[in-house]
Amino acid sequence: LVLGSGNTVKLADGSVQPLKVPSGMQSGIKLIVNFDVAAGTTK
């Protein structure tokens, strides 16, 4: 998942704070998956 800017958290008291994305994730949040896509099907 490739993230953009403007990520935030809204705390229990209603205040909004920026949610920082570490520099190591600028290329995307990587997920390890394990599945096959067969021809002519939808996964």
All heavy atoms as atom14 arrays in JSON, in Angstrom:
{
  "sequence": "LVLGSGNTVKLADGSVQPLKVPSGMQSGIKLIVNFDVAAGTTK",
  "atom14_mask": [
    [1, 1, 1, 1, 1, 1, 1, 1, 0, 0, 0, 0, 0, 0],
    [1, 1, 1, 1, 1, 1, 1, 0, 0, 0, 0, 0, 0, 0],
    [1, 1, 1, 1, 1, 1, 1, 1, 0, 0, 0, 0, 0, 0],
    [1, 1, 1, 1, 0, 0, 0, 0, 0, 0, 0, 0, 0, 0],
    [1, 1, 1, 1, 1, 1, 0, 0, 0, 0, 0, 0, 0, 0],
    [1, 1, 1, 1, 0, 0, 0, 0, 0, 0, 0, 0, 0, 0],
    [1, 1, 1, 1, 1, 1, 1, 1, 0, 0, 0, 0, 0, 0],
    [1, 1, 1, 1, 1, 1, 1, 0, 0, 0, 0, 0, 0, 0],
    [1, 1, 1, 1, 1, 1, 1, 0, 0, 0, 0, 0, 0, 0],
    [1, 1, 1, 1, 1, 1, 1, 1, 1, 0, 0, 0, 0, 0],
    [1, 1, 1, 1, 1, 1, 1, 1, 0, 0, 0, 0, 0, 0],
    [1, 1, 1, 1, 1, 0, 0, 0, 0, 0, 0, 0, 0, 0],
    [1, 1, 1, 1, 1, 1, 1, 1, 0, 0, 0, 0, 0, 0],
    [1, 1, 1, 1, 0, 0, 0, 0, 0, 0, 0, 0, 0, 0],
    [1, 1, 1, 1, 1, 1, 0, 0, 0, 0, 0, 0, 0, 0],
    [1, 1, 1, 1, 1, 1, 1, 0, 0, 0, 0, 0, 0, 0],
    [1, 1, 1, 1, 1, 1, 1, 1, 1, 0, 0, 0, 0, 0],
    [1, 1, 1, 1, 1, 1, 1, 0, 0, 0, 0, 0, 0, 0],
    [1, 1, 1, 1, 1, 1, 1, 1, 0, 0, 0, 0, 0, 0],
    [1, 1, 1, 1, 1, 1, 1, 1, 1, 0, 0, 0, 0, 0],
    [1, 1, 1, 1, 1, 1, 1, 0, 0, 0, 0, 0, 0, 0],
    [1, 1, 1, 1, 1, 1, 1, 0, 0, 0, 0, 0, 0, 0],
    [1, 1, 1, 1, 1, 1, 0, 0, 0, 0, 0, 0, 0, 0],
    [1, 1, 1, 1, 0, 0, 0, 0, 0, 0, 0, 0, 0, 0],
    [1, 1, 1, 1, 1, 1, 1, 1, 0, 0, 0, 0, 0, 0],
    [1, 1, 1, 1, 1, 1, 1, 1, 1, 0, 0, 0, 0, 0],
    [1, 1, 1, 1, 1, 1, 0, 0, 0, 0, 0, 0, 0, 0],
    [1, 1, 1, 1, 0, 0, 0, 0, 0, 0, 0, 0, 0, 0],
    [1, 1, 1, 1, 1, 1, 1, 1, 0, 0, 0, 0, 0, 0],
    [1, 1, 1, 1, 1, 1, 1, 1, 1, 0, 0, 0, 0, 0],
    [1, 1, 1, 1, 1, 1, 1, 1, 0, 0, 0, 0, 0, 0],
    [1, 1, 1, 1, 1, 1, 1, 1, 0, 0, 0, 0, 0, 0],
    [1, 1, 1, 1, 1, 1, 1, 0, 0, 0, 0, 0, 0, 0],
    [1, 1, 1, 1, 1, 1, 1, 1, 0, 0, 0, 0, 0, 0],
    [1, 1, 1, 1, 1, 1, 1, 1, 1, 1, 1, 0, 0, 0],
    [1, 1, 1, 1, 1, 1, 1, 1, 0, 0, 0, 0, 0, 0],
    [1, 1, 1, 1, 1, 1, 1, 0, 0, 0, 0, 0, 0, 0],
    [1, 1, 1, 1, 1, 0, 0, 0, 0, 0, 0, 0, 0, 0],
    [1, 1, 1, 1, 1, 0, 0, 0, 0, 0, 0, 0, 0, 0],
    [1, 1, 1, 1, 0, 0, 0, 0, 0, 0, 0, 0, 0, 0],
    [1, 1, 1, 1, 1, 1, 1, 0, 0, 0, 0, 0, 0, 0],
    [1, 1, 1, 1, 1, 1, 1, 0, 0, 0, 0, 0, 0, 0],
    [1, 1, 1, 1, 1, 1, 1, 1, 1, 0, 0, 0, 0, 0]
  ],
  "atom14_positions": [
    [[0.86, -1.18, 0.0], [0.0, 0.0, 0.0], [0.9, 1.23, 0.0], [1.77, 1.37, 0.87], [-0.89, 0.03, 1.25], [-1.89, -1.12, 1.45], [-2.62, -0.93, 2.77], [-2.87, -1.19, 0.3], [0.0, 0.0, 0.0], [0.0, 0.0, 0.0], [0.0, 0.0, 0.0], [0.0, 0.0, 0.0], [0.0, 0.0, 0.0], [0.0, 0.0, 0.0]],
    [[0.72, 2.11, -0.98], [1.48, 3.35, -1.04], [0.65, 4.45, -0.41], [-0.48, 4.72, -0.84], [1.85, 3.7, -2.49], [2.62, 5.02, -2.53], [2.67, 2.58, -3.12], [0.0, 0.0, 0.0], [0.0, 0.0, 0.0], [0.0, 0.0, 0.0], [0.0, 0.0, 0.0], [0.0, 0.0, 0.0], [0.0, 0.0, 0.0], [0.0, 0.0, 0.0]],
    [[1.2, 5.08, 0.64], [0.48, 6.09, 1.39], [0.84, 7.49, 0.93], [1.95, 7.75, 0.46], [0.77, 5.96, 2.89], [0.46, 4.62, 3.53], [0.67, 4.7, 5.04], [-0.96, 4.16, 3.23], [0.0, 0.0, 0.0], [0.0, 0.0, 0.0], [0.0, 0.0, 0.0], [0.0, 0.0, 0.0], [0.0, 0.0, 0.0], [0.0, 0.0, 0.0]],
    [[-0.12, 8.41, 1.09], [0.11, 9.81, 0.78], [0.31, 10.61, 2.05], [0.59, 10.08, 3.12], [0.0, 0.0, 0.0], [0.0, 0.0, 0.0], [0.0, 0.0, 0.0], [0.0, 0.0, 0.0], [0.0, 0.0, 0.0], [0.0, 0.0, 0.0], [0.0, 0.0, 0.0], [0.0, 0.0, 0.0], [0.0, 0.0, 0.0], [0.0, 0.0, 0.0]],
    [[0.14, 11.92, 1.96], [0.31, 12.8, 3.11], [-1.04, 13.08, 3.76], [-2.08, 12.64, 3.28], [0.96, 14.11, 2.66], [0.15, 14.74, 1.66], [0.0, 0.0, 0.0], [0.0, 0.0, 0.0], [0.0, 0.0, 0.0], [0.0, 0.0, 0.0], [0.0, 0.0, 0.0], [0.0, 0.0, 0.0], [0.0, 0.0, 0.0], [0.0, 0.0, 0.0]],
    [[-1.0, 13.82, 4.86], [-2.24, 14.2, 5.53], [-2.83, 13.13, 6.43], [-4.02, 13.16, 6.74], [0.0, 0.0, 0.0], [0.0, 0.0, 0.0], [0.0, 0.0, 0.0], [0.0, 0.0, 0.0], [0.0, 0.0, 0.0], [0.0, 0.0, 0.0], [0.0, 0.0, 0.0], [0.0, 0.0, 0.0], [0.0, 0.0, 0.0], [0.0, 0.0, 0.0]],
    [[-2.02, 12.17, 6.87], [-2.48, 11.13, 7.79], [-2.6, 11.71, 9.19], [-1.7, 12.42, 9.65], [-1.51, 9.95, 7.78], [-1.29, 9.41, 6.38], [-2.2, 8.84, 5.79], [-0.09, 9.59, 5.85], [0.0, 0.0, 0.0], [0.0, 0.0, 0.0], [0.0, 0.0, 0.0], [0.0, 0.0, 0.0], [0.0, 0.0, 0.0], [0.0, 0.0, 0.0]],
    [[-3.7, 11.42, 9.88], [-3.94, 12.0, 11.2], [-4.58, 11.0, 12.15], [-5.13, 9.98, 11.72], [-4.88, 13.23, 11.1], [-6.15, 12.81, 10.57], [-4.29, 14.32, 10.22], [0.0, 0.0, 0.0], [0.0, 0.0, 0.0], [0.0, 0.0, 0.0], [0.0, 0.0, 0.0], [0.0, 0.0, 0.0], [0.0, 0.0, 0.0], [0.0, 0.0, 0.0]],
    [[-4.53, 11.35, 13.45], [-5.29, 10.62, 14.46], [-6.14, 11.64, 15.22], [-5.7, 12.76, 15.47], [-4.39, 9.85, 15.45], [-3.66, 8.72, 14.75], [-3.38, 10.78, 16.12], [0.0, 0.0, 0.0], [0.0, 0.0, 0.0], [0.0, 0.0, 0.0], [0.0, 0.0, 0.0], [0.0, 0.0, 0.0], [0.0, 0.0, 0.0], [0.0, 0.0, 0.0]],
    [[-7.36, 11.24, 15.56], [-8.22, 12.06, 16.4], [-8.3, 11.38, 17.74], [-8.78, 10.25, 17.86], [-9.61, 12.21, 15.77], [-10.53, 13.16, 16.53], [-11.85, 13.34, 15.78], [-12.74, 14.36, 16.48], [-14.03, 14.54, 15.75], [0.0, 0.0, 0.0], [0.0, 0.0, 0.0], [0.0, 0.0, 0.0], [0.0, 0.0, 0.0], [0.0, 0.0, 0.0]],
    [[-7.82, 12.05, 18.77], [-7.71, 11.46, 20.1], [-9.05, 11.43, 20.81], [-10.04, 12.01, 20.35], [-6.68, 12.21, 20.92], [-5.29, 12.37, 20.27], [-4.35, 13.1, 21.21], [-4.72, 11.03, 19.87], [0.0, 0.0, 0.0], [0.0, 0.0, 0.0], [0.0, 0.0, 0.0], [0.0, 0.0, 0.0], [0.0, 0.0, 0.0], [0.0, 0.0, 0.0]],
    [[-9.07, 10.79, 21.97], [-10.31, 10.66, 22.75], [-10.86, 12.01, 23.16], [-12.07, 12.19, 23.31], [-10.06, 9.78, 23.98], [0.0, 0.0, 0.0], [0.0, 0.0, 0.0], [0.0, 0.0, 0.0], [0.0, 0.0, 0.0], [0.0, 0.0, 0.0], [0.0, 0.0, 0.0], [0.0, 0.0, 0.0], [0.0, 0.0, 0.0], [0.0, 0.0, 0.0]],
    [[-9.97, 13.02, 23.35], [-10.42, 14.35, 23.77], [-10.86, 15.22, 22.6], [-11.2, 16.39, 22.77], [-9.33, 15.07, 24.57], [-8.06, 15.31, 23.74], [-8.07, 15.03, 22.52], [-7.06, 15.77, 24.32], [0.0, 0.0, 0.0], [0.0, 0.0, 0.0], [0.0, 0.0, 0.0], [0.0, 0.0, 0.0], [0.0, 0.0, 0.0], [0.0, 0.0, 0.0]],
    [[-10.84, 14.67, 21.38], [-11.29, 15.4, 20.2], [-10.2, 16.13, 19.45], [-10.44, 16.64, 18.35], [0.0, 0.0, 0.0], [0.0, 0.0, 0.0], [0.0, 0.0, 0.0], [0.0, 0.0, 0.0], [0.0, 0.0, 0.0], [0.0, 0.0, 0.0], [0.0, 0.0, 0.0], [0.0, 0.0, 0.0], [0.0, 0.0, 0.0], [0.0, 0.0, 0.0]],
    [[-9.0, 16.22, 20.02], [-7.9, 16.9, 19.33], [-7.37, 16.03, 18.19], [-7.39, 14.81, 18.26], [-6.78, 17.23, 20.31], [-6.23, 16.04, 20.87], [0.0, 0.0, 0.0], [0.0, 0.0, 0.0], [0.0, 0.0, 0.0], [0.0, 0.0, 0.0], [0.0, 0.0, 0.0], [0.0, 0.0, 0.0], [0.0, 0.0, 0.0], [0.0, 0.0, 0.0]],
    [[-6.89, 16.69, 17.13], [-6.36, 16.0, 15.96], [-4.85, 16.2, 15.89], [-4.36, 17.33, 16.0], [-7.03, 16.52, 14.67], [-6.41, 15.85, 13.44], [-8.53, 16.27, 14.71], [0.0, 0.0, 0.0], [0.0, 0.0, 0.0], [0.0, 0.0, 0.0], [0.0, 0.0, 0.0], [0.0, 0.0, 0.0], [0.0, 0.0, 0.0], [0.0, 0.0, 0.0]],
    [[-4.11, 15.1, 15.73], [-2.66, 15.14, 15.67], [-2.18, 14.49, 14.37], [-2.81, 13.55, 13.87], [-2.04, 14.4, 16.86], [-2.44, 14.94, 18.22], [-1.84, 16.29, 18.49], [-0.78, 16.64, 17.94], [-2.49, 17.09, 19.35], [0.0, 0.0, 0.0], [0.0, 0.0, 0.0], [0.0, 0.0, 0.0], [0.0, 0.0, 0.0], [0.0, 0.0, 0.0]],
    [[-1.06, 14.97, 13.81], [-0.53, 14.32, 12.61], [-0.04, 12.9, 12.91], [0.49, 12.64, 13.99], [0.62, 15.23, 12.19], [0.99, 16.0, 13.41], [-0.27, 16.14, 14.22], [0.0, 0.0, 0.0], [0.0, 0.0, 0.0], [0.0, 0.0, 0.0], [0.0, 0.0, 0.0], [0.0, 0.0, 0.0], [0.0, 0.0, 0.0], [0.0, 0.0, 0.0]],
    [[-0.24, 12.0, 11.97], [0.24, 10.62, 12.06], [1.44, 10.5, 11.12], [1.29, 10.57, 9.9], [-0.86, 9.64, 11.68], [-0.5, 8.15, 11.69], [-0.05, 7.71, 13.08], [-1.68, 7.31, 11.22], [0.0, 0.0, 0.0], [0.0, 0.0, 0.0], [0.0, 0.0, 0.0], [0.0, 0.0, 0.0], [0.0, 0.0, 0.0], [0.0, 0.0, 0.0]],
    [[2.61, 10.33, 11.71], [3.85, 10.33, 10.93], [4.1, 8.97, 10.29], [3.96, 7.93, 10.93], [5.03, 10.68, 11.85], [6.37, 10.75, 11.13], [7.49, 11.12, 12.1], [8.84, 11.15, 11.4], [9.95, 11.48, 12.35], [0.0, 0.0, 0.0], [0.0, 0.0, 0.0], [0.0, 0.0, 0.0], [0.0, 0.0, 0.0], [0.0, 0.0, 0.0]],
    [[4.46, 9.0, 9.01], [4.82, 7.78, 8.28], [6.34, 7.73, 8.19], [6.95, 8.64, 7.61], [4.21, 7.77, 6.87], [4.64, 6.52, 6.12], [2.69, 7.85, 6.95], [0.0, 0.0, 0.0], [0.0, 0.0, 0.0], [0.0, 0.0, 0.0], [0.0, 0.0, 0.0], [0.0, 0.0, 0.0], [0.0, 0.0, 0.0], [0.0, 0.0, 0.0]],
    [[6.99, 6.72, 8.78], [8.46, 6.64, 8.75], [9.0, 6.65, 7.32], [8.35, 6.17, 6.39], [8.76, 5.31, 9.45], [7.57, 5.07, 10.33], [6.4, 5.62, 9.55], [0.0, 0.0, 0.0], [0.0, 0.0, 0.0], [0.0, 0.0, 0.0], [0.0, 0.0, 0.0], [0.0, 0.0, 0.0], [0.0, 0.0, 0.0], [0.0, 0.0, 0.0]],
    [[10.21, 7.2, 7.17], [10.81, 7.31, 5.84], [10.99, 5.96, 5.17], [10.93, 5.85, 3.95], [12.16, 8.03, 5.94], [13.03, 7.33, 6.81], [0.0, 0.0, 0.0], [0.0, 0.0, 0.0], [0.0, 0.0, 0.0], [0.0, 0.0, 0.0], [0.0, 0.0, 0.0], [0.0, 0.0, 0.0], [0.0, 0.0, 0.0], [0.0, 0.0, 0.0]],
    [[11.17, 4.91, 5.96], [11.35, 3.58, 5.38], [10.12, 3.04, 4.7], [10.18, 2.01, 4.02], [0.0, 0.0, 0.0], [0.0, 0.0, 0.0], [0.0, 0.0, 0.0], [0.0, 0.0, 0.0], [0.0, 0.0, 0.0], [0.0, 0.0, 0.0], [0.0, 0.0, 0.0], [0.0, 0.0, 0.0], [0.0, 0.0, 0.0], [0.0, 0.0, 0.0]],
    [[8.98, 3.71, 4.89], [7.73, 3.25, 4.27], [7.3, 4.12, 3.1], [6.2, 3.96, 2.58], [6.6, 3.24, 5.31], [6.82, 2.25, 6.41], [5.48, 2.29, 7.61], [6.16, 1.23, 8.88], [0.0, 0.0, 0.0], [0.0, 0.0, 0.0], [0.0, 0.0, 0.0], [0.0, 0.0, 0.0], [0.0, 0.0, 0.0], [0.0, 0.0, 0.0]],
    [[8.16, 5.04, 2.67], [7.79, 5.93, 1.57], [7.53, 5.15, 0.28], [6.76, 5.59, -0.57], [8.87, 6.99, 1.35], [9.09, 7.9, 2.55], [7.83, 8.62, 3.0], [7.03, 9.03, 2.17], [7.64, 8.77, 4.29], [0.0, 0.0, 0.0], [0.0, 0.0, 0.0], [0.0, 0.0, 0.0], [0.0, 0.0, 0.0], [0.0, 0.0, 0.0]],
    [[8.19, 4.01, 0.13], [7.97, 3.2, -1.07], [6.76, 2.3, -0.94], [6.39, 1.61, -1.89], [9.21, 2.34, -1.36], [9.44, 1.42, -0.29], [0.0, 0.0, 0.0], [0.0, 0.0, 0.0], [0.0, 0.0, 0.0], [0.0, 0.0, 0.0], [0.0, 0.0, 0.0], [0.0, 0.0, 0.0], [0.0, 0.0, 0.0], [0.0, 0.0, 0.0]],
    [[6.13, 2.3, 0.24], [4.93, 1.5, 0.43], [5.04, 0.56, 1.61], [6.13, 0.16, 2.01], [0.0, 0.0, 0.0], [0.0, 0.0, 0.0], [0.0, 0.0, 0.0], [0.0, 0.0, 0.0], [0.0, 0.0, 0.0], [0.0, 0.0, 0.0], [0.0, 0.0, 0.0], [0.0, 0.0, 0.0], [0.0, 0.0, 0.0], [0.0, 0.0, 0.0]],
    [[3.88, 0.25, 2.18], [3.8, -0.73, 3.27], [3.69, -2.11, 2.63], [2.71, -2.41, 1.94], [2.58, -0.48, 4.16], [2.64, 0.94, 4.75], [2.49, -1.51, 5.26], [1.36, 1.33, 5.46], [0.0, 0.0, 0.0], [0.0, 0.0, 0.0], [0.0, 0.0, 0.0], [0.0, 0.0, 0.0], [0.0, 0.0, 0.0], [0.0, 0.0, 0.0]],
    [[4.68, -2.94, 2.84], [4.71, -4.24, 2.17], [3.95, -5.29, 2.97], [4.02, -5.33, 4.2], [6.15, -4.68, 1.94], [6.9, -3.79, 0.95], [8.31, -4.28, 0.7], [9.0, -3.45, -0.37], [9.18, -2.05, -0.02], [0.0, 0.0, 0.0], [0.0, 0.0, 0.0], [0.0, 0.0, 0.0], [0.0, 0.0, 0.0], [0.0, 0.0, 0.0]],
    [[3.23, -6.16, 2.25], [2.47, -7.26, 2.85], [2.94, -8.56, 2.23], [3.07, -8.67, 1.0], [0.97, -7.12, 2.58], [0.2, -5.91, 3.09], [0.4, -4.71, 2.19], [-1.29, -6.26, 3.15], [0.0, 0.0, 0.0], [0.0, 0.0, 0.0], [0.0, 0.0, 0.0], [0.0, 0.0, 0.0], [0.0, 0.0, 0.0], [0.0, 0.0, 0.0]],
    [[3.2, -9.54, 3.06], [3.52, -10.88, 2.57], [2.2, -11.62, 2.36], [1.38, -11.74, 3.27], [4.4, -11.65, 3.57], [5.69, -10.86, 3.84], [4.72, -13.04, 3.04], [6.52, -10.59, 2.6], [0.0, 0.0, 0.0], [0.0, 0.0, 0.0], [0.0, 0.0, 0.0], [0.0, 0.0, 0.0], [0.0, 0.0, 0.0], [0.0, 0.0, 0.0]],
    [[1.99, -12.11, 1.15], [0.75, -12.82, 0.81], [1.1, -14.19, 0.24], [2.26, -14.48, -0.03], [-0.1, -12.01, -0.19], [-0.52, -10.67, 0.41], [0.66, -11.78, -1.5], [0.0, 0.0, 0.0], [0.0, 0.0, 0.0], [0.0, 0.0, 0.0], [0.0, 0.0, 0.0], [0.0, 0.0, 0.0], [0.0, 0.0, 0.0], [0.0, 0.0, 0.0]],
    [[0.08, -15.0, 0.05], [0.3, -16.34, -0.49], [-0.97, -16.83, -1.16], [-1.79, -17.48, -0.54], [0.72, -17.3, 0.64], [1.02, -18.7, 0.12], [1.42, -18.87, -1.03], [0.82, -19.71, 0.97], [0.0, 0.0, 0.0], [0.0, 0.0, 0.0], [0.0, 0.0, 0.0], [0.0, 0.0, 0.0], [0.0, 0.0, 0.0], [0.0, 0.0, 0.0]],
    [[-1.13, -16.48, -2.43], [-2.31, -16.94, -3.14], [-2.03, -17.01, -4.64], [-1.06, -16.45, -5.15], [-3.53, -16.07, -2.86], [-3.32, -14.59, -3.03], [-3.17, -14.01, -4.28], [-3.25, -13.77, -1.92], [-2.97, -12.67, -4.43], [-3.05, -12.41, -2.06], [-2.91, -11.85, -3.32], [0.0, 0.0, 0.0], [0.0, 0.0, 0.0], [0.0, 0.0, 0.0]],
    [[-2.89, -17.74, -5.32], [-2.79, -17.93, -6.77], [-3.98, -17.28, -7.45], [-5.11, -17.35, -6.95], [-2.75, -19.42, -7.12], [-1.51, -20.1, -6.56], [-0.41, -19.8, -7.05], [-1.66, -20.9, -5.62], [0.0, 0.0, 0.0], [0.0, 0.0, 0.0], [0.0, 0.0, 0.0], [0.0, 0.0, 0.0], [0.0, 0.0, 0.0], [0.0, 0.0, 0.0]],
    [[-3.72, -16.65, -8.58], [-4.77, -16.1, -9.42], [-4.87, -16.98, -10.66], [-3.91, -17.07, -11.45], [-4.47, -14.64, -9.83], [-5.54, -14.12, -10.78], [-4.38, -13.76, -8.59], [0.0, 0.0, 0.0], [0.0, 0.0, 0.0], [0.0, 0.0, 0.0], [0.0, 0.0, 0.0], [0.0, 0.0, 0.0], [0.0, 0.0, 0.0], [0.0, 0.0, 0.0]],
    [[-6.0, -17.66, -10.82], [-6.2, -18.55, -11.97], [-6.74, -17.75, -13.15], [-7.45, -16.75, -12.98], [-7.16, -19.67, -11.6], [0.0, 0.0, 0.0], [0.0, 0.0, 0.0], [0.0, 0.0, 0.0], [0.0, 0.0, 0.0], [0.0, 0.0, 0.0], [0.0, 0.0, 0.0], [0.0, 0.0, 0.0], [0.0, 0.0, 0.0], [0.0, 0.0, 0.0]],
    [[-6.4, -18.18, -14.36], [-6.86, -17.5, -15.57], [-8.38, -17.48, -15.62], [-9.05, -18.48, -15.35], [-6.3, -18.21, -16.79], [0.0, 0.0, 0.0], [0.0, 0.0, 0.0], [0.0, 0.0, 0.0], [0.0, 0.0, 0.0], [0.0, 0.0, 0.0], [0.0, 0.0, 0.0], [0.0, 0.0, 0.0], [0.0, 0.0, 0.0], [0.0, 0.0, 0.0]],
    [[-8.93, -16.32, -15.95], [-10.37, -16.19, -16.12], [-11.16, -16.13, -14.84], [-12.39, -16.21, -14.87], [0.0, 0.0, 0.0], [0.0, 0.0, 0.0], [0.0, 0.0, 0.0], [0.0, 0.0, 0.0], [0.0, 0.0, 0.0], [0.0, 0.0, 0.0], [0.0, 0.0, 0.0], [0.0, 0.0, 0.0], [0.0, 0.0, 0.0], [0.0, 0.0, 0.0]],
    [[-10.48, -15.98, -13.69], [-11.19, -15.92, -12.4], [-10.92, -14.58, -11.72], [-10.01, -13.85, -12.09], [-10.75, -17.05, -11.46], [-9.37, -16.85, -11.09], [-10.91, -18.41, -12.12], [0.0, 0.0, 0.0], [0.0, 0.0, 0.0], [0.0, 0.0, 0.0], [0.0, 0.0, 0.0], [0.0, 0.0, 0.0], [0.0, 0.0, 0.0], [0.0, 0.0, 0.0]],
    [[-11.73, -14.28, -10.7], [-11.55, -13.06, -9.9], [-11.19, -13.43, -8.47], [-11.9, -14.23, -7.85], [-12.83, -12.21, -9.91], [-13.11, -11.8, -11.25], [-12.65, -10.96, -9.04], [0.0, 0.0, 0.0], [0.0, 0.0, 0.0], [0.0, 0.0, 0.0], [0.0, 0.0, 0.0], [0.0, 0.0, 0.0], [0.0, 0.0, 0.0], [0.0, 0.0, 0.0]],
    [[-10.11, -12.88, -7.99], [-9.66, -13.13, -6.62], [-10.08, -11.97, -5.72], [-9.85, -10.81, -6.04], [-8.14, -13.27, -6.6], [-7.54, -13.55, -5.23], [-7.86, -14.96, -4.76], [-7.17, -16.01, -5.6], [-7.4, -17.38, -5.09], [0.0, 0.0, 0.0], [0.0, 0.0, 0.0], [0.0, 0.0, 0.0], [0.0, 0.0, 0.0], [0.0, 0.0, 0.0]]
  ]
}
